[in-house]
Amino acid sequence: MMKPILELRNINKSYKTHHVLKDVSFEISPGEIVGFIGSNGAGKSTTMKAICNLIQIDSGEIVVNGHAMAEDALVCLKDMSCLIEAPGLYPDLSGRQNIKFFASLRNVSKENVEEVLRHTNLGHHLDRKVRTYSTGMRQKIGLSIALLSNPKLIILDEPMSGLDVDAVMELRKTVETIRQQFGTAILLSSHQLGEVEKMADRYIFIKDGEIVPDISVAQSKKTSIFFQDTTQLPDDLKRHPFYCDGLSISWTDESVNLNDVLRTILGQGLVIETIETTQRELEDIYRDVVGNHND
């Protein structure tokens, strides 16, 4: 069994009397793209900053590639890169100069630098000053710098903030390329749920500093059975985890066995019109899991 690249074990963090993170625990496997989702103030950024060792946790354990952050922070940080919102670049240096400067700080080989430069897809723009760059171009440079040390894990906190449609599409392509070519795991936080839905293999939800059971893309399916009339439907199929609207029943709970449901329905002599399985949109899952919570 493949060991997780990232493990959070009962993380707690408070600011004075405000308990921001409450026993936060989850794992990420190598090569996974995981969407980290929650409302403003839910604890997303605090969690990501803790993973990147930018803040100290009160209790719990963060483990990166088998190494505990509290004991081997430098070893952990060598296996990961973090891009928290806008990358910190030197505006009067070119994109190429920024990449080479950060590479020199990390003792990255010339071969690795050249490979990363090829992956930027910025062409002649690489030699322009960063102050002339669009937000999307800056993000590309930030991601390129994140790749310099061949990290096994990349943390992206709101990487799509301020990007136009074309830049978001380009970022999505870049993230998938990173995963495919380097096998890098990515923890991605964004309020743009539609984009997270297109990129992530799995979703982790956080609400009021607590992790809600995570959902894979496969688990986000909805099954519906349509009838001419549901008045004869057994009561067991009219309550949780089923939803009945008068002409159909539907459910999203993966533990429900379709064959068992069909036997119950047909045993009542009901006539089924159609059965369909659809992919639920992440926005709908968000409403169900997190609700309309606002901080």
C-alpha atoms as a PDB file:
ATOM      1  CA  MET A   1       0.000   0.000   0.000  1.00  0.00           C
ATOM      2  CA  MET A   2       1.350   3.415  -1.019  1.00  0.00           C
ATOM      3  CA  LYS A   3       2.115   5.628   1.965  1.00  0.00           C
ATOM      4  CA  PRO A   4       0.547   9.113   2.085  1.00  0.00           C
ATOM      5  CA  ILE A   5       2.671  12.035   0.963  1.00  0.00           C
ATOM      6  CA  LEU A   6       0.882  14.227   3.536  1.00  0.00           C
ATOM      7  CA  GLU A   7      -0.755  13.327   6.841  1.00  0.00           C
ATOM      8  CA  LEU A   8      -2.465  15.701   9.253  1.00  0.00           C
ATOM      9  CA  ARG A   9      -3.190  14.143  12.621  1.00  0.00           C
ATOM     10  CA  ASN A  10      -5.505  15.971  15.026  1.00  0.00           C
ATOM     11  CA  ILE A  11      -4.237  19.474  14.269  1.00  0.00           C
ATOM     12  CA  ASN A  12      -5.378  22.220  16.640  1.00  0.00           C
ATOM     13  CA  LYS A  13      -4.750  25.951  16.416  1.00  0.00           C
ATOM     14  CA  SER A  14      -6.189  28.839  18.426  1.00  0.00           C
ATOM     15  CA  TYR A  15      -5.760  32.591  18.332  1.00  0.00           C
ATOM     16  CA  LYS A  16      -6.456  33.767  21.876  1.00  0.00           C
ATOM     17  CA  THR A  17      -9.972  32.433  22.574  1.00  0.00           C
ATOM     18  CA  HIS A  18     -10.792  31.621  18.937  1.00  0.00           C
ATOM     19  CA  HIS A  19     -10.336  27.892  18.240  1.00  0.00           C
ATOM     20  CA  VAL A  20      -9.552  28.023  14.508  1.00  0.00           C
ATOM     21  CA  LEU A  21      -8.626  24.376  13.829  1.00  0.00           C
ATOM     22  CA  LYS A  22     -10.236  21.542  15.767  1.00  0.00           C
ATOM     23  CA  ASP A  23      -8.603  18.113  15.484  1.00  0.00           C
ATOM     24  CA  VAL A  24      -8.082  18.500  11.735  1.00  0.00           C
ATOM     25  CA  SER A  25      -7.036  15.169  10.210  1.00  0.00           C
ATOM     26  CA  PHE A  26      -6.690  14.016   6.604  1.00  0.00           C
ATOM     27  CA  GLU A  27      -4.257  12.330   4.207  1.00  0.00           C
ATOM     28  CA  ILE A  28      -3.152  12.915   0.623  1.00  0.00           C
ATOM     29  CA  SER A  29      -1.648  10.204  -1.573  1.00  0.00           C
ATOM     30  CA  PRO A  30       1.144  10.697  -4.142  1.00  0.00           C
ATOM     31  CA  GLY A  31      -0.145  12.092  -7.440  1.00  0.00           C
ATOM     32  CA  GLU A  32      -3.556  13.117  -6.076  1.00  0.00           C
ATOM     33  CA  ILE A  33      -5.140  16.481  -6.796  1.00  0.00           C
ATOM     34  CA  VAL A  34      -7.318  17.282  -3.791  1.00  0.00           C
ATOM     35  CA  GLY A  35      -9.718  20.215  -3.563  1.00  0.00           C
ATOM     36  CA  PHE A  36      -9.775  21.824  -0.107  1.00  0.00           C
ATOM     37  CA  ILE A  37     -13.110  23.592   0.253  1.00  0.00           C
ATOM     38  CA  GLY A  38     -14.833  25.765   2.821  1.00  0.00           C
ATOM     39  CA  SER A  39     -16.302  29.211   3.361  1.00  0.00           C
ATOM     40  CA  ASN A  40     -14.284  32.270   4.378  1.00  0.00           C
ATOM     41  CA  GLY A  41     -12.987  31.827   7.909  1.00  0.00           C
ATOM     42  CA  ALA A  42     -13.560  28.063   7.920  1.00  0.00           C
ATOM     43  CA  GLY A  43      -9.854  27.352   8.468  1.00  0.00           C
ATOM     44  CA  LYS A  44      -8.551  26.622   4.953  1.00  0.00           C
ATOM     45  CA  SER A  45      -5.739  29.159   4.861  1.00  0.00           C
ATOM     46  CA  THR A  46      -4.739  28.463   8.461  1.00  0.00           C
ATOM     47  CA  THR A  47      -4.472  24.758   7.651  1.00  0.00           C
ATOM     48  CA  MET A  48      -2.387  25.418   4.553  1.00  0.00           C
ATOM     49  CA  LYS A  49      -0.079  27.821   6.363  1.00  0.00           C
ATOM     50  CA  ALA A  50       0.421  25.197   9.070  1.00  0.00           C
ATOM     51  CA  ILE A  51       1.314  22.589   6.428  1.00  0.00           C
ATOM     52  CA  CYS A  52       3.842  25.027   4.941  1.00  0.00           C
ATOM     53  CA  ASN A  53       5.298  25.675   8.436  1.00  0.00           C
ATOM     54  CA  LEU A  54       4.365  29.367   8.216  1.00  0.00           C
ATOM     55  CA  ILE A  55       2.518  29.165  11.535  1.00  0.00           C
ATOM     56  CA  GLN A  56       2.988  26.899  14.537  1.00  0.00           C
ATOM     57  CA  ILE A  57       0.181  24.577  15.576  1.00  0.00           C
ATOM     58  CA  ASP A  58      -0.863  24.138  19.210  1.00  0.00           C
ATOM     59  CA  SER A  59      -1.118  20.347  19.050  1.00  0.00           C
ATOM     60  CA  GLY A  60      -1.263  17.476  16.605  1.00  0.00           C
ATOM     61  CA  GLU A  61       1.181  16.297  13.977  1.00  0.00           C
ATOM     62  CA  ILE A  62       1.981  17.147  10.365  1.00  0.00           C
ATOM     63  CA  VAL A  63       3.843  14.419   8.470  1.00  0.00           C
ATOM     64  CA  VAL A  64       5.314  14.963   4.989  1.00  0.00           C
ATOM     65  CA  ASN A  65       6.597  11.906   3.128  1.00  0.00           C
ATOM     66  CA  GLY A  66       7.036  10.038   6.410  1.00  0.00           C
ATOM     67  CA  HIS A  67       8.819  12.864   8.264  1.00  0.00           C
ATOM     68  CA  ALA A  68       7.265  14.787  11.153  1.00  0.00           C
ATOM     69  CA  MET A  69       7.294  18.559  10.633  1.00  0.00           C
ATOM     70  CA  ALA A  70       7.977  19.193  14.334  1.00  0.00           C
ATOM     71  CA  GLU A  71      11.141  17.073  14.210  1.00  0.00           C
ATOM     72  CA  ASP A  72      12.444  17.463  10.632  1.00  0.00           C
ATOM     73  CA  ALA A  73      10.998  20.694   9.235  1.00  0.00           C
ATOM     74  CA  LEU A  74      13.829  21.208   6.732  1.00  0.00           C
ATOM     75  CA  VAL A  75      13.470  17.661   5.391  1.00  0.00           C
ATOM     76  CA  CYS A  76       9.685  18.108   5.094  1.00  0.00           C
ATOM     77  CA  LEU A  77       9.990  21.444   3.311  1.00  0.00           C
ATOM     78  CA  LYS A  78      12.424  19.981   0.764  1.00  0.00           C
ATOM     79  CA  ASP A  79       9.649  17.627  -0.348  1.00  0.00           C
ATOM     80  CA  MET A  80       7.049  20.357  -0.831  1.00  0.00           C
ATOM     81  CA  SER A  81       6.430  23.783  -2.335  1.00  0.00           C
ATOM     82  CA  CYS A  82       3.801  26.329  -1.357  1.00  0.00           C
ATOM     83  CA  LEU A  83       2.079  29.033  -3.365  1.00  0.00           C
ATOM     84  CA  ILE A  84      -0.119  31.036  -1.012  1.00  0.00           C
ATOM     85  CA  GLU A  85      -2.215  33.409  -3.141  1.00  0.00           C
ATOM     86  CA  ALA A  86       0.050  35.777  -5.163  1.00  0.00           C
ATOM     87  CA  PRO A  87       3.684  34.646  -5.529  1.00  0.00           C
ATOM     88  CA  GLY A  88       6.343  36.937  -4.041  1.00  0.00           C
ATOM     89  CA  LEU A  89       8.394  37.937  -7.078  1.00  0.00           C
ATOM     90  CA  TYR A  90      10.940  40.689  -7.689  1.00  0.00           C
ATOM     91  CA  PRO A  91       9.140  43.131 -10.022  1.00  0.00           C
ATOM     92  CA  ASP A  92      12.277  44.650 -11.571  1.00  0.00           C
ATOM     93  CA  LEU A  93      13.710  41.271 -12.508  1.00  0.00           C
ATOM     94  CA  SER A  94      12.503  39.299 -15.512  1.00  0.00           C
ATOM     95  CA  GLY A  95      10.616  36.056 -15.146  1.00  0.00           C
ATOM     96  CA  ARG A  96      13.748  34.149 -16.138  1.00  0.00           C
ATOM     97  CA  GLN A  97      15.867  36.056 -13.593  1.00  0.00           C
ATOM     98  CA  ASN A  98      13.319  35.397 -10.836  1.00  0.00           C
ATOM     99  CA  ILE A  99      13.345  31.671 -11.550  1.00  0.00           C
ATOM    100  CA  LYS A 100      17.152  31.549 -11.640  1.00  0.00           C
ATOM    101  CA  PHE A 101      17.423  33.597  -8.441  1.00  0.00           C
ATOM    102  CA  PHE A 102      15.143  31.254  -6.472  1.00  0.00           C
ATOM    103  CA  ALA A 103      16.942  28.278  -8.028  1.00  0.00           C
ATOM    104  CA  SER A 104      20.261  29.590  -6.694  1.00  0.00           C
ATOM    105  CA  LEU A 105      18.811  29.784  -3.176  1.00  0.00           C
ATOM    106  CA  ARG A 106      17.890  26.105  -3.380  1.00  0.00           C
ATOM    107  CA  ASN A 107      21.055  24.896  -5.140  1.00  0.00           C
ATOM    108  CA  VAL A 108      18.966  23.614  -8.036  1.00  0.00           C
ATOM    109  CA  SER A 109      20.966  22.132 -10.908  1.00  0.00           C
ATOM    110  CA  LYS A 110      21.217  23.993 -14.216  1.00  0.00           C
ATOM    111  CA  GLU A 111      19.459  21.078 -15.944  1.00  0.00           C
ATOM    112  CA  ASN A 112      16.455  21.342 -13.619  1.00  0.00           C
ATOM    113  CA  VAL A 113      16.290  25.103 -14.128  1.00  0.00           C
ATOM    114  CA  GLU A 114      16.275  24.705 -17.913  1.00  0.00           C
ATOM    115  CA  GLU A 115      13.536  22.063 -17.707  1.00  0.00           C
ATOM    116  CA  VAL A 116      11.376  24.345 -15.556  1.00  0.00           C
ATOM    117  CA  LEU A 117      11.968  27.272 -17.935  1.00  0.00           C
ATOM    118  CA  ARG A 118      10.731  25.127 -20.829  1.00  0.00           C
ATOM    119  CA  HIS A 119       7.547  24.309 -18.919  1.00  0.00           C
ATOM    120  CA  THR A 120       6.605  27.971 -18.367  1.00  0.00           C
ATOM    121  CA  ASN A 121       5.377  28.355 -21.972  1.00  0.00           C
ATOM    122  CA  LEU A 122       5.979  32.102 -21.650  1.00  0.00           C
ATOM    123  CA  GLY A 123       8.313  32.389 -24.649  1.00  0.00           C
ATOM    124  CA  HIS A 124       9.865  35.849 -25.058  1.00  0.00           C
ATOM    125  CA  HIS A 125       7.835  37.129 -22.080  1.00  0.00           C
ATOM    126  CA  LEU A 126      10.312  35.326 -19.822  1.00  0.00           C
ATOM    127  CA  ASP A 127      12.782  38.140 -20.453  1.00  0.00           C
ATOM    128  CA  ARG A 128      10.387  40.975 -19.642  1.00  0.00           C
ATOM    129  CA  LYS A 129      10.282  42.555 -16.205  1.00  0.00           C
ATOM    130  CA  VAL A 130       7.745  40.919 -13.914  1.00  0.00           C
ATOM    131  CA  ARG A 131       6.130  44.305 -13.192  1.00  0.00           C
ATOM    132  CA  THR A 132       4.753  44.191 -16.762  1.00  0.00           C
ATOM    133  CA  TYR A 133       3.196  40.734 -16.264  1.00  0.00           C
ATOM    134  CA  SER A 134      -0.485  39.941 -15.967  1.00  0.00           C
ATOM    135  CA  THR A 135      -1.692  38.124 -12.848  1.00  0.00           C
ATOM    136  CA  GLY A 136      -1.845  34.882 -14.817  1.00  0.00           C
ATOM    137  CA  MET A 137       1.759  35.234 -15.993  1.00  0.00           C
ATOM    138  CA  ARG A 138       2.903  35.883 -12.418  1.00  0.00           C
ATOM    139  CA  GLN A 139       1.114  32.724 -11.304  1.00  0.00           C
ATOM    140  CA  LYS A 140       2.927  30.780 -14.021  1.00  0.00           C
ATOM    141  CA  ILE A 141       6.272  32.021 -12.725  1.00  0.00           C
ATOM    142  CA  GLY A 142       5.192  31.194  -9.166  1.00  0.00           C
ATOM    143  CA  LEU A 143       4.281  27.632 -10.183  1.00  0.00           C
ATOM    144  CA  SER A 144       7.556  27.305 -12.072  1.00  0.00           C
ATOM    145  CA  ILE A 145       9.488  28.321  -8.959  1.00  0.00           C
ATOM    146  CA  ALA A 146       7.435  25.818  -6.951  1.00  0.00           C
ATOM    147  CA  LEU A 147       8.601  23.078  -9.348  1.00  0.00           C
ATOM    148  CA  LEU A 148      12.318  23.888  -9.091  1.00  0.00           C
ATOM    149  CA  SER A 149      13.068  21.376  -6.358  1.00  0.00           C
ATOM    150  CA  ASN A 150      10.959  18.565  -7.895  1.00  0.00           C
ATOM    151  CA  PRO A 151       8.542  18.594  -4.937  1.00  0.00           C
ATOM    152  CA  LYS A 152       6.388  15.604  -4.132  1.00  0.00           C
ATOM    153  CA  LEU A 153       3.646  17.938  -2.843  1.00  0.00           C
ATOM    154  CA  ILE A 154       2.491  21.419  -3.882  1.00  0.00           C
ATOM    155  CA  ILE A 155       0.156  23.565  -1.777  1.00  0.00           C
ATOM    156  CA  LEU A 156      -1.922  26.058  -3.795  1.00  0.00           C
ATOM    157  CA  ASP A 157      -4.033  28.521  -1.803  1.00  0.00           C
ATOM    158  CA  GLU A 158      -6.406  30.528  -4.027  1.00  0.00           C
ATOM    159  CA  PRO A 159      -4.165  30.277  -7.117  1.00  0.00           C
ATOM    160  CA  MET A 160      -6.999  31.472  -9.391  1.00  0.00           C
ATOM    161  CA  SER A 161      -7.633  34.696  -7.496  1.00  0.00           C
ATOM    162  CA  GLY A 162      -7.625  37.630  -9.923  1.00  0.00           C
ATOM    163  CA  LEU A 163      -7.190  35.489 -13.044  1.00  0.00           C
ATOM    164  CA  ASP A 164      -9.251  35.982 -16.192  1.00  0.00           C
ATOM    165  CA  VAL A 165     -10.934  33.065 -17.962  1.00  0.00           C
ATOM    166  CA  ASP A 166      -8.000  32.329 -20.274  1.00  0.00           C
ATOM    167  CA  ALA A 167      -5.514  32.418 -17.395  1.00  0.00           C
ATOM    168  CA  VAL A 168      -7.680  30.058 -15.320  1.00  0.00           C
ATOM    169  CA  MET A 169      -7.850  27.590 -18.217  1.00  0.00           C
ATOM    170  CA  GLU A 170      -4.081  27.799 -18.609  1.00  0.00           C
ATOM    171  CA  LEU A 171      -3.565  27.245 -14.882  1.00  0.00           C
ATOM    172  CA  ARG A 172      -5.816  24.181 -14.988  1.00  0.00           C
ATOM    173  CA  LYS A 173      -3.755  22.749 -17.840  1.00  0.00           C
ATOM    174  CA  THR A 174      -0.517  23.498 -15.969  1.00  0.00           C
ATOM    175  CA  VAL A 175      -1.724  21.773 -12.795  1.00  0.00           C
ATOM    176  CA  GLU A 176      -2.666  18.623 -14.710  1.00  0.00           C
ATOM    177  CA  THR A 177       0.674  18.667 -16.546  1.00  0.00           C
ATOM    178  CA  ILE A 178       2.530  18.899 -13.228  1.00  0.00           C
ATOM    179  CA  ARG A 179       0.649  15.871 -11.932  1.00  0.00           C
ATOM    180  CA  GLN A 180       1.132  13.788 -15.083  1.00  0.00           C
ATOM    181  CA  GLN A 181       4.778  14.583 -15.769  1.00  0.00           C
ATOM    182  CA  PHE A 182       6.124  14.808 -12.233  1.00  0.00           C
ATOM    183  CA  GLY A 183       3.673  12.660 -10.225  1.00  0.00           C
ATOM    184  CA  THR A 184       3.236  15.563  -7.834  1.00  0.00           C
ATOM    185  CA  ALA A 185       0.380  15.614  -5.318  1.00  0.00           C
ATOM    186  CA  ILE A 186      -1.477  18.926  -5.146  1.00  0.00           C
ATOM    187  CA  LEU A 187      -3.655  20.361  -2.390  1.00  0.00           C
ATOM    188  CA  LEU A 188      -5.750  23.089  -3.980  1.00  0.00           C
ATOM    189  CA  SER A 189      -7.930  25.651  -2.240  1.00  0.00           C
ATOM    190  CA  SER A 190     -10.221  27.932  -4.239  1.00  0.00           C
ATOM    191  CA  HIS A 191     -13.634  29.580  -4.096  1.00  0.00           C
ATOM    192  CA  GLN A 192     -14.051  28.847  -7.820  1.00  0.00           C
ATOM    193  CA  LEU A 193     -15.836  25.547  -7.283  1.00  0.00           C
ATOM    194  CA  GLY A 194     -16.410  24.932 -10.976  1.00  0.00           C
ATOM    195  CA  GLU A 195     -12.668  24.962 -11.609  1.00  0.00           C
ATOM    196  CA  VAL A 196     -11.881  22.805  -8.578  1.00  0.00           C
ATOM    197  CA  GLU A 197     -14.448  20.324  -9.904  1.00  0.00           C
ATOM    198  CA  LYS A 198     -12.584  20.109 -13.220  1.00  0.00           C
ATOM    199  CA  MET A 199      -9.213  19.482 -11.565  1.00  0.00           C
ATOM    200  CA  ALA A 200      -9.667  17.503  -8.348  1.00  0.00           C
ATOM    201  CA  ASP A 201      -9.830  13.744  -7.789  1.00  0.00           C
ATOM    202  CA  ARG A 202     -11.276  14.222  -4.328  1.00  0.00           C
ATOM    203  CA  TYR A 203     -12.724  16.963  -2.136  1.00  0.00           C
ATOM    204  CA  ILE A 204     -11.980  17.724   1.514  1.00  0.00           C
ATOM    205  CA  PHE A 205     -14.487  20.048   3.182  1.00  0.00           C
ATOM    206  CA  ILE A 206     -13.805  22.138   6.272  1.00  0.00           C
ATOM    207  CA  LYS A 207     -16.462  23.923   8.316  1.00  0.00           C
ATOM    208  CA  ASP A 208     -15.896  25.919  11.510  1.00  0.00           C
ATOM    209  CA  GLY A 209     -12.382  24.492  11.769  1.00  0.00           C
ATOM    210  CA  GLU A 210     -13.507  20.859  11.519  1.00  0.00           C
ATOM    211  CA  ILE A 211     -13.107  18.411   8.650  1.00  0.00           C
ATOM    212  CA  VAL A 212     -16.325  17.084   7.140  1.00  0.00           C
ATOM    213  CA  PRO A 213     -16.041  13.547   5.641  1.00  0.00           C
ATOM    214  CA  ASP A 214     -14.360  13.925   2.255  1.00  0.00           C
ATOM    215  CA  ILE A 215     -15.939  12.938  -1.041  1.00  0.00           C
ATOM    216  CA  SER A 216     -14.325  11.443  -4.141  1.00  0.00           C
ATOM    217  CA  VAL A 217     -15.487  12.414  -7.615  1.00  0.00           C
ATOM    218  CA  ALA A 218     -16.951   8.891  -7.972  1.00  0.00           C
ATOM    219  CA  GLN A 219     -18.959   9.367  -4.779  1.00  0.00           C
ATOM    220  CA  SER A 220     -20.533  12.588  -6.019  1.00  0.00           C
ATOM    221  CA  LYS A 221     -23.058  10.764  -8.210  1.00  0.00           C
ATOM    222  CA  LYS A 222     -26.817  11.008  -7.826  1.00  0.00           C
ATOM    223  CA  THR A 223     -29.153   8.115  -8.707  1.00  0.00           C
ATOM    224  CA  SER A 224     -32.803   8.826  -9.514  1.00  0.00           C
ATOM    225  CA  ILE A 225     -35.778   6.549 -10.201  1.00  0.00           C
ATOM    226  CA  PHE A 226     -38.833   8.095 -11.861  1.00  0.00           C
ATOM    227  CA  PHE A 227     -42.444   6.869 -11.538  1.00  0.00           C
ATOM    228  CA  GLN A 228     -45.892   7.948 -12.677  1.00  0.00           C
ATOM    229  CA  ASP A 229     -46.970   7.975  -9.033  1.00  0.00           C
ATOM    230  CA  THR A 230     -45.100   7.503  -5.737  1.00  0.00           C
ATOM    231  CA  THR A 231     -48.108   7.332  -3.397  1.00  0.00           C
ATOM    232  CA  GLN A 232     -47.632   3.562  -2.946  1.00  0.00           C
ATOM    233  CA  LEU A 233     -43.920   3.927  -2.275  1.00  0.00           C
ATOM    234  CA  PRO A 234     -42.856   2.366   1.066  1.00  0.00           C
ATOM    235  CA  ASP A 235     -42.090   4.894   3.810  1.00  0.00           C
ATOM    236  CA  ASP A 236     -38.507   3.588   4.043  1.00  0.00           C
ATOM    237  CA  LEU A 237     -37.867   5.023   0.579  1.00  0.00           C
ATOM    238  CA  LYS A 238     -39.326   8.419   1.462  1.00  0.00           C
ATOM    239  CA  ARG A 239     -36.851   9.344   4.195  1.00  0.00           C
ATOM    240  CA  HIS A 240     -33.093   9.760   4.568  1.00  0.00           C
ATOM    241  CA  PRO A 241     -30.954   8.875   2.645  1.00  0.00           C
ATOM    242  CA  PHE A 242     -33.662   9.113  -0.028  1.00  0.00           C
ATOM    243  CA  TYR A 243     -35.307  12.245  -1.363  1.00  0.00           C
ATOM    244  CA  CYS A 244     -38.864  11.921  -2.700  1.00  0.00           C
ATOM    245  CA  ASP A 245     -40.495  14.709  -4.727  1.00  0.00           C
ATOM    246  CA  GLY A 246     -43.766  12.996  -5.719  1.00  0.00           C
ATOM    247  CA  LEU A 247     -42.663  11.645  -9.095  1.00  0.00           C
ATOM    248  CA  SER A 248     -39.222  10.291  -8.256  1.00  0.00           C
ATOM    249  CA  ILE A 249     -36.857   9.203  -5.530  1.00  0.00           C
ATOM    250  CA  SER A 250     -33.150   9.991  -5.557  1.00  0.00           C
ATOM    251  CA  TRP A 251     -30.095   9.437  -3.382  1.00  0.00           C
ATOM    252  CA  THR A 252     -26.378  10.161  -3.268  1.00  0.00           C
ATOM    253  CA  ASP A 253     -25.383   7.751  -0.491  1.00  0.00           C
ATOM    254  CA  GLU A 254     -22.928   5.266  -2.044  1.00  0.00           C
ATOM    255  CA  SER A 255     -23.897   2.575   0.489  1.00  0.00           C
ATOM    256  CA  VAL A 256     -27.409   2.298  -0.993  1.00  0.00           C
ATOM    257  CA  ASN A 257     -27.658  -0.787  -3.213  1.00  0.00           C
ATOM    258  CA  LEU A 258     -29.671  -0.115  -6.375  1.00  0.00           C
ATOM    259  CA  ASN A 259     -30.749  -3.761  -6.715  1.00  0.00           C
ATOM    260  CA  ASP A 260     -32.164  -3.753  -3.176  1.00  0.00           C
ATOM    261  CA  VAL A 261     -34.112  -0.581  -3.944  1.00  0.00           C
ATOM    262  CA  LEU A 262     -35.473  -2.065  -7.172  1.00  0.00           C
ATOM    263  CA  ARG A 263     -36.613  -5.252  -5.410  1.00  0.00           C
ATOM    264  CA  THR A 264     -38.503  -3.176  -2.844  1.00  0.00           C
ATOM    265  CA  ILE A 265     -40.139  -1.030  -5.525  1.00  0.00           C
ATOM    266  CA  LEU A 266     -41.134  -3.908  -7.799  1.00  0.00           C
ATOM    267  CA  GLY A 267     -42.427  -5.840  -4.798  1.00  0.00           C
ATOM    268  CA  GLN A 268     -44.983  -3.054  -4.330  1.00  0.00           C
ATOM    269  CA  GLY A 269     -46.135  -3.414  -7.938  1.00  0.00           C
ATOM    270  CA  LEU A 270     -44.918   0.065  -8.868  1.00  0.00           C
ATOM    271  CA  VAL A 271     -44.090   0.829 -12.496  1.00  0.00           C
ATOM    272  CA  ILE A 272     -40.689   2.411 -13.095  1.00  0.00           C
ATOM    273  CA  GLU A 273     -40.464   4.879 -15.974  1.00  0.00           C
ATOM    274  CA  THR A 274     -36.724   5.595 -16.022  1.00  0.00           C
ATOM    275  CA  ILE A 275     -33.573   5.215 -13.948  1.00  0.00           C
ATOM    276  CA  GLU A 276     -30.708   7.659 -14.338  1.00  0.00           C
ATOM    277  CA  THR A 277     -27.365   8.369 -12.713  1.00  0.00           C
ATOM    278  CA  THR A 278     -25.969  11.883 -12.951  1.00  0.00           C
ATOM    279  CA  GLN A 279     -22.850  13.605 -11.696  1.00  0.00           C
ATOM    280  CA  ARG A 280     -23.701  16.117  -8.993  1.00  0.00           C
ATOM    281  CA  GLU A 281     -22.122  19.531  -9.355  1.00  0.00           C
ATOM    282  CA  LEU A 282     -19.607  20.472  -6.689  1.00  0.00           C
ATOM    283  CA  GLU A 283     -21.707  23.518  -5.825  1.00  0.00           C
ATOM    284  CA  ASP A 284     -24.615  21.235  -4.855  1.00  0.00           C
ATOM    285  CA  ILE A 285     -22.325  19.027  -2.776  1.00  0.00           C
ATOM    286  CA  TYR A 286     -20.915  22.128  -1.091  1.00  0.00           C
ATOM    287  CA  ARG A 287     -24.406  23.283  -0.117  1.00  0.00           C
ATOM    288  CA  ASP A 288     -25.236  19.855   1.319  1.00  0.00           C
ATOM    289  CA  VAL A 289     -21.962  19.368   3.175  1.00  0.00           C
ATOM    290  CA  VAL A 290     -21.062  22.872   4.318  1.00  0.00           C
ATOM    291  CA  GLY A 291     -24.459  24.534   4.066  1.00  0.00           C
ATOM    292  CA  ASN A 292     -24.928  28.258   3.793  1.00  0.00           C
ATOM    293  CA  HIS A 293     -22.452  28.901   6.596  1.00  0.00           C
ATOM    294  CA  ASN A 294     -20.780  32.294   6.472  1.00  0.00           C
ATOM    295  CA  ASP A 295     -18.222  33.797   8.838  1.00  0.00           C
END
